């Protein structure tokens, strides 16, 4: 979760300082220093006042907190689905996208298992059909090699 908060803050700061996506208007704040010297990272120089820095900090904080509350609300309305997904992951360790969709739509793990079996059976049938098709092609190619001249088979 710590990295999530760090990333959210970084994105919010870029929204404000680089992309002009804030109440401060379509402006950029801070110049990127692209030159990297020994022991130095790419950085930014502050080309704005302390008052502007406070406004930027307040705007970043507002974006992060507003979207945190929004995410909490979205997830809070779906607690039953989140618990069902957590239970499925505890029991199965892995579930694929279609299984997530099934659980989100209210299906049970028994439904997920039935769908897994159905897909496995379908894959098995498809593989058998593909193998038969390949064998038929191989048989046809082999029989063509044994025909000479007017279409009479070569007899040894």
C-alpha atoms as a PDB file:
ATOM      1  CA  UNK A   1       0.000   0.000   0.000  1.00  0.00           C
ATOM      2  CA  UNK A   2       2.927   2.331   0.653  1.00  0.00           C
ATOM      3  CA  UNK A   3       3.984   2.238  -2.972  1.00  0.00           C
ATOM      4  CA  UNK A   4       0.395   2.900  -4.070  1.00  0.00           C
ATOM      5  CA  UNK A   5       0.295   6.082  -2.010  1.00  0.00           C
ATOM      6  CA  UNK A   6       3.698   7.119  -3.325  1.00  0.00           C
ATOM      7  CA  UNK A   7       2.612   6.526  -6.945  1.00  0.00           C
ATOM      8  CA  UNK A   8      -0.699   8.354  -6.448  1.00  0.00           C
ATOM      9  CA  UNK A   9       1.128  11.345  -4.990  1.00  0.00           C
ATOM     10  CA  UNK A  10       3.666  11.309  -7.822  1.00  0.00           C
ATOM     11  CA  UNK A  11       0.913  11.241 -10.457  1.00  0.00           C
ATOM     12  CA  UNK A  12      -1.009  14.033  -8.711  1.00  0.00           C
ATOM     13  CA  UNK A  13       2.139  16.179  -8.536  1.00  0.00           C
ATOM     14  CA  UNK A  14       2.768  15.601 -12.252  1.00  0.00           C
ATOM     15  CA  UNK A  15      -0.863  16.488 -12.978  1.00  0.00           C
ATOM     16  CA  UNK A  16      -0.364  19.817 -11.237  1.00  0.00           C
ATOM     17  CA  UNK A  17       3.257  20.654 -12.119  1.00  0.00           C
ATOM     18  CA  UNK A  18       3.746  19.157 -15.578  1.00  0.00           C
ATOM     19  CA  UNK A  19       0.369  18.685 -17.233  1.00  0.00           C
ATOM     20  CA  UNK A  20      -1.538  21.749 -16.011  1.00  0.00           C
ATOM     21  CA  UNK A  21      -4.437  19.632 -14.752  1.00  0.00           C
ATOM     22  CA  UNK A  22      -5.405  21.597 -11.656  1.00  0.00           C
ATOM     23  CA  UNK A  23      -7.180  24.658 -10.351  1.00  0.00           C
ATOM     24  CA  UNK A  24      -3.889  26.518 -10.815  1.00  0.00           C
ATOM     25  CA  UNK A  25      -4.526  26.448 -14.547  1.00  0.00           C
ATOM     26  CA  UNK A  26      -2.739  25.186 -17.615  1.00  0.00           C
ATOM     27  CA  UNK A  27       0.770  25.997 -16.441  1.00  0.00           C
ATOM     28  CA  UNK A  28       3.890  24.004 -15.687  1.00  0.00           C
ATOM     29  CA  UNK A  29       5.888  24.492 -12.524  1.00  0.00           C
ATOM     30  CA  UNK A  30       9.562  23.569 -12.213  1.00  0.00           C
ATOM     31  CA  UNK A  31      12.066  22.934 -14.974  1.00  0.00           C
ATOM     32  CA  UNK A  32      13.294  19.368 -15.498  1.00  0.00           C
ATOM     33  CA  UNK A  33      17.042  18.997 -15.379  1.00  0.00           C
ATOM     34  CA  UNK A  34      17.782  16.172 -17.807  1.00  0.00           C
ATOM     35  CA  UNK A  35      21.537  16.164 -17.242  1.00  0.00           C
ATOM     36  CA  UNK A  36      22.702  13.377 -15.000  1.00  0.00           C
ATOM     37  CA  UNK A  37      26.122  13.733 -13.455  1.00  0.00           C
ATOM     38  CA  UNK A  38      27.960  11.437 -11.104  1.00  0.00           C
ATOM     39  CA  UNK A  39      25.767  10.697  -8.142  1.00  0.00           C
ATOM     40  CA  UNK A  40      22.930  12.967  -9.262  1.00  0.00           C
ATOM     41  CA  UNK A  41      19.472  11.963 -10.409  1.00  0.00           C
ATOM     42  CA  UNK A  42      17.296  13.759 -12.886  1.00  0.00           C
ATOM     43  CA  UNK A  43      15.753  16.563 -10.890  1.00  0.00           C
ATOM     44  CA  UNK A  44      13.733  19.720 -11.057  1.00  0.00           C
ATOM     45  CA  UNK A  45      14.628  23.247 -10.262  1.00  0.00           C
ATOM     46  CA  UNK A  46      12.071  25.336  -8.423  1.00  0.00           C
ATOM     47  CA  UNK A  47      11.207  28.352 -10.558  1.00  0.00           C
ATOM     48  CA  UNK A  48       8.233  29.483  -8.492  1.00  0.00           C
ATOM     49  CA  UNK A  49       7.641  31.209  -5.174  1.00  0.00           C
ATOM     50  CA  UNK A  50       7.078  29.667  -1.763  1.00  0.00           C
ATOM     51  CA  UNK A  51       3.436  30.756  -1.944  1.00  0.00           C
ATOM     52  CA  UNK A  52       3.034  28.915  -5.256  1.00  0.00           C
ATOM     53  CA  UNK A  53       4.752  25.863  -3.730  1.00  0.00           C
ATOM     54  CA  UNK A  54       2.151  25.904  -0.939  1.00  0.00           C
ATOM     55  CA  UNK A  55      -0.648  26.123  -3.532  1.00  0.00           C
ATOM     56  CA  UNK A  56       0.886  23.215  -5.461  1.00  0.00           C
ATOM     57  CA  UNK A  57       1.164  21.123  -2.287  1.00  0.00           C
ATOM     58  CA  UNK A  58      -2.449  21.910  -1.368  1.00  0.00           C
ATOM     59  CA  UNK A  59      -3.636  20.989  -4.872  1.00  0.00           C
ATOM     60  CA  UNK A  60      -1.683  17.701  -4.844  1.00  0.00           C
ATOM     61  CA  UNK A  61      -3.104  16.874  -1.415  1.00  0.00           C
ATOM     62  CA  UNK A  62      -6.625  17.704  -2.599  1.00  0.00           C
ATOM     63  CA  UNK A  63      -6.312  15.461  -5.686  1.00  0.00           C
ATOM     64  CA  UNK A  64      -4.929  12.524  -3.682  1.00  0.00           C
ATOM     65  CA  UNK A  65      -7.467  12.803  -0.830  1.00  0.00           C
ATOM     66  CA  UNK A  66     -10.432  13.386  -3.150  1.00  0.00           C
ATOM     67  CA  UNK A  67      -9.574  10.306  -5.211  1.00  0.00           C
ATOM     68  CA  UNK A  68      -8.818   8.257  -2.101  1.00  0.00           C
ATOM     69  CA  UNK A  69     -12.348   8.964  -0.868  1.00  0.00           C
ATOM     70  CA  UNK A  70     -13.725   8.166  -4.321  1.00  0.00           C
ATOM     71  CA  UNK A  71     -11.886   4.806  -4.371  1.00  0.00           C
ATOM     72  CA  UNK A  72     -13.086   4.024  -0.832  1.00  0.00           C
ATOM     73  CA  UNK A  73     -16.650   4.722  -1.904  1.00  0.00           C
ATOM     74  CA  UNK A  74     -16.396   2.562  -5.011  1.00  0.00           C
ATOM     75  CA  UNK A  75     -14.875  -0.334  -3.095  1.00  0.00           C
ATOM     76  CA  UNK A  76     -17.195   0.114  -0.107  1.00  0.00           C
ATOM     77  CA  UNK A  77     -20.185  -0.376  -2.371  1.00  0.00           C
ATOM     78  CA  UNK A  78     -18.725  -3.677  -3.607  1.00  0.00           C
ATOM     79  CA  UNK A  79     -17.553  -5.300  -0.351  1.00  0.00           C
ATOM     80  CA  UNK A  80     -19.490  -8.511  -1.013  1.00  0.00           C
ATOM     81  CA  UNK A  81     -17.841  -8.911  -4.426  1.00  0.00           C
ATOM     82  CA  UNK A  82     -14.395  -8.162  -2.986  1.00  0.00           C
ATOM     83  CA  UNK A  83     -14.926 -10.764  -0.247  1.00  0.00           C
ATOM     84  CA  UNK A  84     -16.075 -13.338  -2.830  1.00  0.00           C
ATOM     85  CA  UNK A  85     -12.961 -12.650  -4.919  1.00  0.00           C
ATOM     86  CA  UNK A  86     -10.729 -12.912  -1.838  1.00  0.00           C
ATOM     87  CA  UNK A  87     -12.355 -16.228  -0.864  1.00  0.00           C
ATOM     88  CA  UNK A  88     -11.897 -17.566  -4.396  1.00  0.00           C
ATOM     89  CA  UNK A  89      -8.229 -16.578  -4.385  1.00  0.00           C
ATOM     90  CA  UNK A  90      -7.666 -18.136  -0.966  1.00  0.00           C
ATOM     91  CA  UNK A  91      -9.184 -21.411  -2.176  1.00  0.00           C
ATOM     92  CA  UNK A  92      -7.812 -21.437  -5.737  1.00  0.00           C
ATOM     93  CA  UNK A  93      -4.685 -19.235  -5.578  1.00  0.00           C
ATOM     94  CA  UNK A  94      -5.252 -18.181  -9.203  1.00  0.00           C
ATOM     95  CA  UNK A  95      -8.310 -17.194 -11.182  1.00  0.00           C
ATOM     96  CA  UNK A  96      -8.373 -15.860 -14.725  1.00  0.00           C
ATOM     97  CA  UNK A  97     -10.251 -12.881 -16.130  1.00  0.00           C
ATOM     98  CA  UNK A  98     -13.364 -14.784 -17.159  1.00  0.00           C
ATOM     99  CA  UNK A  99     -13.544 -16.356 -13.681  1.00  0.00           C
ATOM    100  CA  UNK A 100     -13.258 -12.914 -12.082  1.00  0.00           C
ATOM    101  CA  UNK A 101     -16.112 -11.790 -14.330  1.00  0.00           C
ATOM    102  CA  UNK A 102     -18.219 -14.769 -13.214  1.00  0.00           C
ATOM    103  CA  UNK A 103     -17.625 -14.025  -9.519  1.00  0.00           C
ATOM    104  CA  UNK A 104     -18.392 -10.328 -10.053  1.00  0.00           C
ATOM    105  CA  UNK A 105     -21.679 -11.382 -11.704  1.00  0.00           C
ATOM    106  CA  UNK A 106     -22.567 -13.357  -8.567  1.00  0.00           C
ATOM    107  CA  UNK A 107     -21.574 -16.884  -9.621  1.00  0.00           C
ATOM    108  CA  UNK A 108     -20.261 -19.341  -7.027  1.00  0.00           C
ATOM    109  CA  UNK A 109     -16.999 -21.275  -6.974  1.00  0.00           C
ATOM    110  CA  UNK A 110     -18.971 -24.349  -8.056  1.00  0.00           C
ATOM    111  CA  UNK A 111     -20.051 -22.390 -11.153  1.00  0.00           C
ATOM    112  CA  UNK A 112     -16.431 -21.387 -11.750  1.00  0.00           C
ATOM    113  CA  UNK A 113     -15.333 -25.034 -11.450  1.00  0.00           C
ATOM    114  CA  UNK A 114     -18.043 -26.143 -13.886  1.00  0.00           C
ATOM    115  CA  UNK A 115     -16.916 -23.464 -16.355  1.00  0.00           C
ATOM    116  CA  UNK A 116     -13.264 -24.535 -15.972  1.00  0.00           C
ATOM    117  CA  UNK A 117     -14.247 -28.150 -16.704  1.00  0.00           C
ATOM    118  CA  UNK A 118     -16.322 -27.105 -19.688  1.00  0.00           C
ATOM    119  CA  UNK A 119     -13.413 -25.071 -21.123  1.00  0.00           C
ATOM    120  CA  UNK A 120     -10.970 -27.943 -20.527  1.00  0.00           C
ATOM    121  CA  UNK A 121     -13.333 -30.374 -22.271  1.00  0.00           C
ATOM    122  CA  UNK A 122     -13.740 -27.971 -25.202  1.00  0.00           C
ATOM    123  CA  UNK A 123      -9.954 -27.591 -25.516  1.00  0.00           C
ATOM    124  CA  UNK A 124      -9.567 -31.373 -25.456  1.00  0.00           C
ATOM    125  CA  UNK A 125     -12.132 -31.802 -28.258  1.00  0.00           C
ATOM    126  CA  UNK A 126     -10.518 -29.007 -30.290  1.00  0.00           C
ATOM    127  CA  UNK A 127      -7.076 -30.583 -29.875  1.00  0.00           C
ATOM    128  CA  UNK A 128      -8.392 -34.010 -30.914  1.00  0.00           C
ATOM    129  CA  UNK A 129     -10.084 -32.495 -33.971  1.00  0.00           C
ATOM    130  CA  UNK A 130      -6.912 -30.625 -34.934  1.00  0.00           C
ATOM    131  CA  UNK A 131      -4.873 -33.796 -34.513  1.00  0.00           C
ATOM    132  CA  UNK A 132      -7.304 -35.778 -36.731  1.00  0.00           C
ATOM    133  CA  UNK A 133      -7.169 -33.028 -39.341  1.00  0.00           C
ATOM    134  CA  UNK A 134      -3.346 -33.124 -39.312  1.00  0.00           C
ATOM    135  CA  UNK A 135      -3.383 -36.932 -39.620  1.00  0.00           C
ATOM    136  CA  UNK A 136      -5.784 -36.700 -42.581  1.00  0.00           C
ATOM    137  CA  UNK A 137      -3.461 -34.191 -44.294  1.00  0.00           C
ATOM    138  CA  UNK A 138      -0.467 -36.464 -43.637  1.00  0.00           C
ATOM    139  CA  UNK A 139      -2.338 -39.507 -45.044  1.00  0.00           C
ATOM    140  CA  UNK A 140      -3.363 -37.559 -48.155  1.00  0.00           C
ATOM    141  CA  UNK A 141       0.199 -36.344 -48.712  1.00  0.00           C
ATOM    142  CA  UNK A 142       1.582 -39.862 -48.266  1.00  0.00           C
ATOM    143  CA  UNK A 143      -0.870 -41.380 -50.763  1.00  0.00           C
ATOM    144  CA  UNK A 144      -0.046 -38.716 -53.387  1.00  0.00           C
ATOM    145  CA  UNK A 145       3.644 -39.643 -53.207  1.00  0.00           C
ATOM    146  CA  UNK A 146       2.852 -43.261 -54.188  1.00  0.00           C
ATOM    147  CA  UNK A 147       1.059 -42.354 -57.470  1.00  0.00           C
ATOM    148  CA  UNK A 148       3.078 -42.338 -60.744  1.00  0.00           C
ATOM    149  CA  UNK A 149       2.228 -41.318 -64.330  1.00  0.00           C
ATOM    150  CA  UNK A 150      -1.415 -41.926 -65.192  1.00  0.00           C
ATOM    151  CA  UNK A 151      -2.517 -42.289 -61.649  1.00  0.00           C
ATOM    152  CA  UNK A 152      -1.708 -45.944 -61.137  1.00  0.00           C
ATOM    153  CA  UNK A 153      -0.196 -46.813 -57.791  1.00  0.00           C
ATOM    154  CA  UNK A 154       3.365 -48.088 -57.826  1.00  0.00           C
ATOM    155  CA  UNK A 155       3.554 -51.715 -56.776  1.00  0.00           C
ATOM    156  CA  UNK A 156       6.712 -53.259 -55.505  1.00  0.00           C
END
